[in-house]
């Protein structure tokens, strides 16, 4: 019995072509006086389910259950920017998902059905989004709103979702380090 604890989540990774404009927007936000922690380009992902800290044995159980997922590939289209809980009180800044949001929600439901009894309970409703930064506070309100308006409806592009990943997150002082524990390929109909 291993007592090692893993911090895990299930996600869709972002392709490199979509990262470049997102990194530009992160820089503009920081330049506008937003005190925030941007998500590193290599860590940009869409979370389908955050499981949290579980034992290695439970990780193996999650892998076994996820192995049975049958779902077809689909396209996501990323557009616009927003914030939770709101643009006026940003804690998390995100890029929106237009096309493909329904499929992401379906995958979330499927994953919850298979793994919902393991790890953290998910109290909030699932909203497909790509987190790009966690905000401490906004120093210059006008400049922040200028950047938000500029990027508010920008088309970041599309990508085919051809796999989902069970990822491990190791927290370090420099930020989290993610590694894939399992990659589930989605089928091409």
C-alpha atoms as a PDB file:
ATOM      1  CA  UNK A   1       0.000   0.000   0.000  1.00  0.00           C
ATOM      2  CA  UNK A   2       1.515   3.262  -1.152  1.00  0.00           C
ATOM      3  CA  UNK A   3       0.758   6.283   1.027  1.00  0.00           C
ATOM      4  CA  UNK A   4       1.882   8.650  -1.691  1.00  0.00           C
ATOM      5  CA  UNK A   5      -0.697  11.336  -2.438  1.00  0.00           C
ATOM      6  CA  UNK A   6      -1.335  12.583  -5.967  1.00  0.00           C
ATOM      7  CA  UNK A   7      -3.037  15.864  -6.858  1.00  0.00           C
ATOM      8  CA  UNK A   8      -4.890  15.073 -10.073  1.00  0.00           C
ATOM      9  CA  UNK A   9      -7.331  16.464 -12.609  1.00  0.00           C
ATOM     10  CA  UNK A  10      -8.754  15.566 -16.016  1.00  0.00           C
ATOM     11  CA  UNK A  11      -8.214  18.028 -18.843  1.00  0.00           C
ATOM     12  CA  UNK A  12      -7.900  18.869 -22.517  1.00  0.00           C
ATOM     13  CA  UNK A  13      -4.524  20.348 -23.450  1.00  0.00           C
ATOM     14  CA  UNK A  14      -4.331  23.412 -25.678  1.00  0.00           C
ATOM     15  CA  UNK A  15      -2.488  23.185 -29.001  1.00  0.00           C
ATOM     16  CA  UNK A  16       0.506  25.498 -29.468  1.00  0.00           C
ATOM     17  CA  UNK A  17      -1.105  27.638 -32.217  1.00  0.00           C
ATOM     18  CA  UNK A  18      -3.781  28.830 -29.790  1.00  0.00           C
ATOM     19  CA  UNK A  19      -1.252  29.790 -27.099  1.00  0.00           C
ATOM     20  CA  UNK A  20       0.479  32.678 -28.854  1.00  0.00           C
ATOM     21  CA  UNK A  21      -2.408  35.224 -28.808  1.00  0.00           C
ATOM     22  CA  UNK A  22      -3.276  34.141 -25.251  1.00  0.00           C
ATOM     23  CA  UNK A  23       0.276  34.852 -24.052  1.00  0.00           C
ATOM     24  CA  UNK A  24       0.075  38.281 -25.757  1.00  0.00           C
ATOM     25  CA  UNK A  25      -3.147  39.049 -23.897  1.00  0.00           C
ATOM     26  CA  UNK A  26      -1.631  37.900 -20.571  1.00  0.00           C
ATOM     27  CA  UNK A  27       1.276  40.323 -21.120  1.00  0.00           C
ATOM     28  CA  UNK A  28      -1.094  43.189 -21.934  1.00  0.00           C
ATOM     29  CA  UNK A  29      -3.122  42.520 -18.790  1.00  0.00           C
ATOM     30  CA  UNK A  30       0.009  42.516 -16.629  1.00  0.00           C
ATOM     31  CA  UNK A  31       1.205  45.660 -18.410  1.00  0.00           C
ATOM     32  CA  UNK A  32      -2.091  47.349 -17.531  1.00  0.00           C
ATOM     33  CA  UNK A  33      -1.369  46.973 -13.814  1.00  0.00           C
ATOM     34  CA  UNK A  34      -3.264  43.765 -13.049  1.00  0.00           C
ATOM     35  CA  UNK A  35      -1.482  41.952 -10.222  1.00  0.00           C
ATOM     36  CA  UNK A  36      -1.983  38.376 -11.420  1.00  0.00           C
ATOM     37  CA  UNK A  37      -0.393  34.968 -11.805  1.00  0.00           C
ATOM     38  CA  UNK A  38      -0.648  33.998 -15.485  1.00  0.00           C
ATOM     39  CA  UNK A  39      -0.978  30.323 -16.376  1.00  0.00           C
ATOM     40  CA  UNK A  40       2.285  29.230 -18.031  1.00  0.00           C
ATOM     41  CA  UNK A  41       1.888  28.479 -21.770  1.00  0.00           C
ATOM     42  CA  UNK A  42       2.808  24.809 -21.269  1.00  0.00           C
ATOM     43  CA  UNK A  43       0.127  24.530 -18.555  1.00  0.00           C
ATOM     44  CA  UNK A  44      -2.800  26.016 -20.523  1.00  0.00           C
ATOM     45  CA  UNK A  45      -5.660  23.517 -20.454  1.00  0.00           C
ATOM     46  CA  UNK A  46      -9.422  23.148 -20.143  1.00  0.00           C
ATOM     47  CA  UNK A  47     -10.289  21.353 -16.907  1.00  0.00           C
ATOM     48  CA  UNK A  48     -12.992  18.725 -17.304  1.00  0.00           C
ATOM     49  CA  UNK A  49     -12.798  17.641 -13.665  1.00  0.00           C
ATOM     50  CA  UNK A  50     -10.592  18.566 -10.717  1.00  0.00           C
ATOM     51  CA  UNK A  51     -10.306  15.461  -8.547  1.00  0.00           C
ATOM     52  CA  UNK A  52      -7.851  16.827  -5.980  1.00  0.00           C
ATOM     53  CA  UNK A  53      -5.545  14.884  -3.675  1.00  0.00           C
ATOM     54  CA  UNK A  54      -5.995  11.116  -3.698  1.00  0.00           C
ATOM     55  CA  UNK A  55      -3.884   8.040  -2.951  1.00  0.00           C
ATOM     56  CA  UNK A  56      -1.913   6.199  -5.624  1.00  0.00           C
ATOM     57  CA  UNK A  57      -4.391   3.308  -5.310  1.00  0.00           C
ATOM     58  CA  UNK A  58      -7.283   5.637  -6.149  1.00  0.00           C
ATOM     59  CA  UNK A  59      -5.286   7.049  -9.088  1.00  0.00           C
ATOM     60  CA  UNK A  60      -5.104   3.489 -10.459  1.00  0.00           C
ATOM     61  CA  UNK A  61      -8.860   3.104  -9.927  1.00  0.00           C
ATOM     62  CA  UNK A  62      -9.538   6.390 -11.788  1.00  0.00           C
ATOM     63  CA  UNK A  63      -7.290   5.232 -14.672  1.00  0.00           C
ATOM     64  CA  UNK A  64      -9.186   1.943 -14.883  1.00  0.00           C
ATOM     65  CA  UNK A  65     -12.555   3.708 -14.978  1.00  0.00           C
ATOM     66  CA  UNK A  66     -11.465   6.328 -17.523  1.00  0.00           C
ATOM     67  CA  UNK A  67     -10.104   3.600 -19.781  1.00  0.00           C
ATOM     68  CA  UNK A  68     -13.679   2.782 -20.713  1.00  0.00           C
ATOM     69  CA  UNK A  69     -14.518   6.210 -22.131  1.00  0.00           C
ATOM     70  CA  UNK A  70     -15.873   6.106 -25.669  1.00  0.00           C
ATOM     71  CA  UNK A  71     -16.328   9.547 -27.208  1.00  0.00           C
ATOM     72  CA  UNK A  72     -15.748  10.978 -30.656  1.00  0.00           C
ATOM     73  CA  UNK A  73     -13.319  13.759 -31.552  1.00  0.00           C
ATOM     74  CA  UNK A  74     -14.803  17.247 -31.842  1.00  0.00           C
ATOM     75  CA  UNK A  75     -13.734  20.815 -32.523  1.00  0.00           C
ATOM     76  CA  UNK A  76     -13.629  23.648 -30.008  1.00  0.00           C
ATOM     77  CA  UNK A  77     -13.671  27.314 -31.002  1.00  0.00           C
ATOM     78  CA  UNK A  78     -12.229  29.776 -28.509  1.00  0.00           C
ATOM     79  CA  UNK A  79     -13.466  33.341 -28.482  1.00  0.00           C
ATOM     80  CA  UNK A  80     -13.602  36.284 -26.113  1.00  0.00           C
ATOM     81  CA  UNK A  81     -12.490  36.855 -22.566  1.00  0.00           C
ATOM     82  CA  UNK A  82     -14.289  36.985 -19.239  1.00  0.00           C
ATOM     83  CA  UNK A  83     -13.734  36.590 -15.507  1.00  0.00           C
ATOM     84  CA  UNK A  84     -15.108  34.748 -12.492  1.00  0.00           C
ATOM     85  CA  UNK A  85     -17.003  35.837 -10.451  1.00  0.00           C
ATOM     86  CA  UNK A  86     -17.360  38.819 -12.850  1.00  0.00           C
ATOM     87  CA  UNK A  87     -15.360  41.239 -15.013  1.00  0.00           C
ATOM     88  CA  UNK A  88     -15.903  43.861 -12.274  1.00  0.00           C
ATOM     89  CA  UNK A  89     -14.515  41.567  -9.565  1.00  0.00           C
ATOM     90  CA  UNK A  90     -12.011  39.352 -11.355  1.00  0.00           C
ATOM     91  CA  UNK A  91     -10.476  36.437  -9.442  1.00  0.00           C
ATOM     92  CA  UNK A  92      -9.945  34.219 -12.493  1.00  0.00           C
ATOM     93  CA  UNK A  93      -9.594  35.525 -16.057  1.00  0.00           C
ATOM     94  CA  UNK A  94     -10.618  33.096 -18.783  1.00  0.00           C
ATOM     95  CA  UNK A  95     -11.011  32.636 -22.513  1.00  0.00           C
ATOM     96  CA  UNK A  96     -14.446  31.510 -23.620  1.00  0.00           C
ATOM     97  CA  UNK A  97     -15.393  28.429 -25.608  1.00  0.00           C
ATOM     98  CA  UNK A  98     -18.113  28.753 -28.229  1.00  0.00           C
ATOM     99  CA  UNK A  99     -18.280  25.729 -30.529  1.00  0.00           C
ATOM    100  CA  UNK A 100     -17.554  22.516 -28.641  1.00  0.00           C
ATOM    101  CA  UNK A 101     -18.858  23.740 -25.258  1.00  0.00           C
ATOM    102  CA  UNK A 102     -21.689  21.187 -25.425  1.00  0.00           C
ATOM    103  CA  UNK A 103     -19.229  18.350 -26.109  1.00  0.00           C
ATOM    104  CA  UNK A 104     -17.009  19.471 -23.217  1.00  0.00           C
ATOM    105  CA  UNK A 105     -20.074  19.495 -20.944  1.00  0.00           C
ATOM    106  CA  UNK A 106     -21.030  16.005 -22.193  1.00  0.00           C
ATOM    107  CA  UNK A 107     -17.505  14.747 -21.456  1.00  0.00           C
ATOM    108  CA  UNK A 108     -17.674  16.337 -17.994  1.00  0.00           C
ATOM    109  CA  UNK A 109     -20.956  14.474 -17.323  1.00  0.00           C
ATOM    110  CA  UNK A 110     -19.465  11.216 -18.580  1.00  0.00           C
ATOM    111  CA  UNK A 111     -16.360  11.659 -16.388  1.00  0.00           C
ATOM    112  CA  UNK A 112     -18.482  12.562 -13.346  1.00  0.00           C
ATOM    113  CA  UNK A 113     -20.552   9.427 -13.921  1.00  0.00           C
ATOM    114  CA  UNK A 114     -17.381   7.314 -13.917  1.00  0.00           C
ATOM    115  CA  UNK A 115     -15.348   9.081 -11.197  1.00  0.00           C
ATOM    116  CA  UNK A 116     -17.741  11.342  -9.270  1.00  0.00           C
ATOM    117  CA  UNK A 117     -17.437   9.254  -6.106  1.00  0.00           C
ATOM    118  CA  UNK A 118     -13.647   9.809  -5.934  1.00  0.00           C
ATOM    119  CA  UNK A 119     -11.978  12.998  -4.750  1.00  0.00           C
ATOM    120  CA  UNK A 120     -13.456  16.439  -4.267  1.00  0.00           C
ATOM    121  CA  UNK A 121     -17.149  17.095  -4.701  1.00  0.00           C
ATOM    122  CA  UNK A 122     -17.887  19.521  -7.505  1.00  0.00           C
ATOM    123  CA  UNK A 123     -20.430  21.953  -6.099  1.00  0.00           C
ATOM    124  CA  UNK A 124     -20.305  24.584  -8.836  1.00  0.00           C
ATOM    125  CA  UNK A 125     -21.933  23.938 -12.172  1.00  0.00           C
ATOM    126  CA  UNK A 126     -19.515  23.033 -14.976  1.00  0.00           C
ATOM    127  CA  UNK A 127     -18.700  26.022 -17.221  1.00  0.00           C
ATOM    128  CA  UNK A 128     -16.332  25.153 -20.087  1.00  0.00           C
ATOM    129  CA  UNK A 129     -13.534  27.746 -20.094  1.00  0.00           C
ATOM    130  CA  UNK A 130      -9.774  28.155 -20.329  1.00  0.00           C
ATOM    131  CA  UNK A 131      -8.245  29.776 -17.222  1.00  0.00           C
ATOM    132  CA  UNK A 132      -5.448  32.141 -18.259  1.00  0.00           C
ATOM    133  CA  UNK A 133      -4.708  33.929 -14.961  1.00  0.00           C
ATOM    134  CA  UNK A 134      -5.511  34.164 -11.266  1.00  0.00           C
ATOM    135  CA  UNK A 135      -5.929  37.771 -10.143  1.00  0.00           C
ATOM    136  CA  UNK A 136      -4.718  39.226  -6.845  1.00  0.00           C
ATOM    137  CA  UNK A 137      -5.948  42.746  -7.564  1.00  0.00           C
ATOM    138  CA  UNK A 138      -6.426  45.369 -10.262  1.00  0.00           C
ATOM    139  CA  UNK A 139      -4.322  48.498  -9.780  1.00  0.00           C
ATOM    140  CA  UNK A 140      -5.450  50.550 -12.761  1.00  0.00           C
ATOM    141  CA  UNK A 141      -9.122  49.995 -13.455  1.00  0.00           C
ATOM    142  CA  UNK A 142      -9.320  52.007 -16.713  1.00  0.00           C
ATOM    143  CA  UNK A 143      -6.333  50.262 -18.272  1.00  0.00           C
ATOM    144  CA  UNK A 144      -7.628  46.839 -17.210  1.00  0.00           C
ATOM    145  CA  UNK A 145     -11.042  47.547 -18.791  1.00  0.00           C
ATOM    146  CA  UNK A 146      -9.311  48.793 -21.963  1.00  0.00           C
ATOM    147  CA  UNK A 147      -7.477  45.467 -22.347  1.00  0.00           C
ATOM    148  CA  UNK A 148     -10.622  43.465 -21.529  1.00  0.00           C
ATOM    149  CA  UNK A 149     -12.620  45.430 -24.142  1.00  0.00           C
ATOM    150  CA  UNK A 150      -9.864  45.007 -26.745  1.00  0.00           C
ATOM    151  CA  UNK A 151      -9.775  41.208 -26.300  1.00  0.00           C
ATOM    152  CA  UNK A 152     -13.461  40.895 -25.362  1.00  0.00           C
ATOM    153  CA  UNK A 153     -14.551  39.294 -28.619  1.00  0.00           C
ATOM    154  CA  UNK A 154     -11.252  38.181 -30.165  1.00  0.00           C
ATOM    155  CA  UNK A 155     -11.324  34.921 -32.099  1.00  0.00           C
ATOM    156  CA  UNK A 156      -8.491  32.802 -30.678  1.00  0.00           C
ATOM    157  CA  UNK A 157      -9.073  29.989 -33.160  1.00  0.00           C
ATOM    158  CA  UNK A 158     -10.109  26.368 -33.193  1.00  0.00           C
ATOM    159  CA  UNK A 159      -8.606  23.018 -32.334  1.00  0.00           C
ATOM    160  CA  UNK A 160      -9.672  19.416 -32.640  1.00  0.00           C
ATOM    161  CA  UNK A 161     -10.050  17.696 -29.280  1.00  0.00           C
ATOM    162  CA  UNK A 162      -8.600  14.248 -29.993  1.00  0.00           C
ATOM    163  CA  UNK A 163      -7.691  13.206 -26.456  1.00  0.00           C
ATOM    164  CA  UNK A 164      -8.337  13.869 -22.788  1.00  0.00           C
ATOM    165  CA  UNK A 165      -5.681  13.514 -20.112  1.00  0.00           C
ATOM    166  CA  UNK A 166      -5.509  12.478 -16.487  1.00  0.00           C
ATOM    167  CA  UNK A 167      -2.852  14.856 -15.182  1.00  0.00           C
ATOM    168  CA  UNK A 168      -0.819  15.067 -12.030  1.00  0.00           C
ATOM    169  CA  UNK A 169      -0.104  18.507 -10.582  1.00  0.00           C
ATOM    170  CA  UNK A 170       2.961  18.946  -8.377  1.00  0.00           C
ATOM    171  CA  UNK A 171       2.864  22.326  -6.642  1.00  0.00           C
ATOM    172  CA  UNK A 172       6.210  24.145  -6.490  1.00  0.00           C
ATOM    173  CA  UNK A 173       7.140  27.704  -5.423  1.00  0.00           C
ATOM    174  CA  UNK A 174       7.561  28.547  -9.148  1.00  0.00           C
ATOM    175  CA  UNK A 175       4.118  27.214 -10.001  1.00  0.00           C
ATOM    176  CA  UNK A 176       2.570  23.817 -10.710  1.00  0.00           C
ATOM    177  CA  UNK A 177       4.299  21.172 -12.796  1.00  0.00           C
ATOM    178  CA  UNK A 178       1.898  18.965 -14.731  1.00  0.00           C
ATOM    179  CA  UNK A 179       2.529  15.476 -16.076  1.00  0.00           C
ATOM    180  CA  UNK A 180       0.248  13.056 -17.907  1.00  0.00           C
ATOM    181  CA  UNK A 181      -0.725   9.911 -16.003  1.00  0.00           C
ATOM    182  CA  UNK A 182      -3.081   8.675 -18.730  1.00  0.00           C
ATOM    183  CA  UNK A 183      -3.990   9.831 -22.243  1.00  0.00           C
ATOM    184  CA  UNK A 184      -7.370   8.696 -23.584  1.00  0.00           C
ATOM    185  CA  UNK A 185      -7.648   8.982 -27.357  1.00  0.00           C
ATOM    186  CA  UNK A 186     -11.043  10.011 -28.672  1.00  0.00           C
ATOM    187  CA  UNK A 187     -12.358   8.090 -31.666  1.00  0.00           C
ATOM    188  CA  UNK A 188     -12.507   9.292 -35.248  1.00  0.00           C
ATOM    189  CA  UNK A 189     -16.000   8.309 -36.377  1.00  0.00           C
END
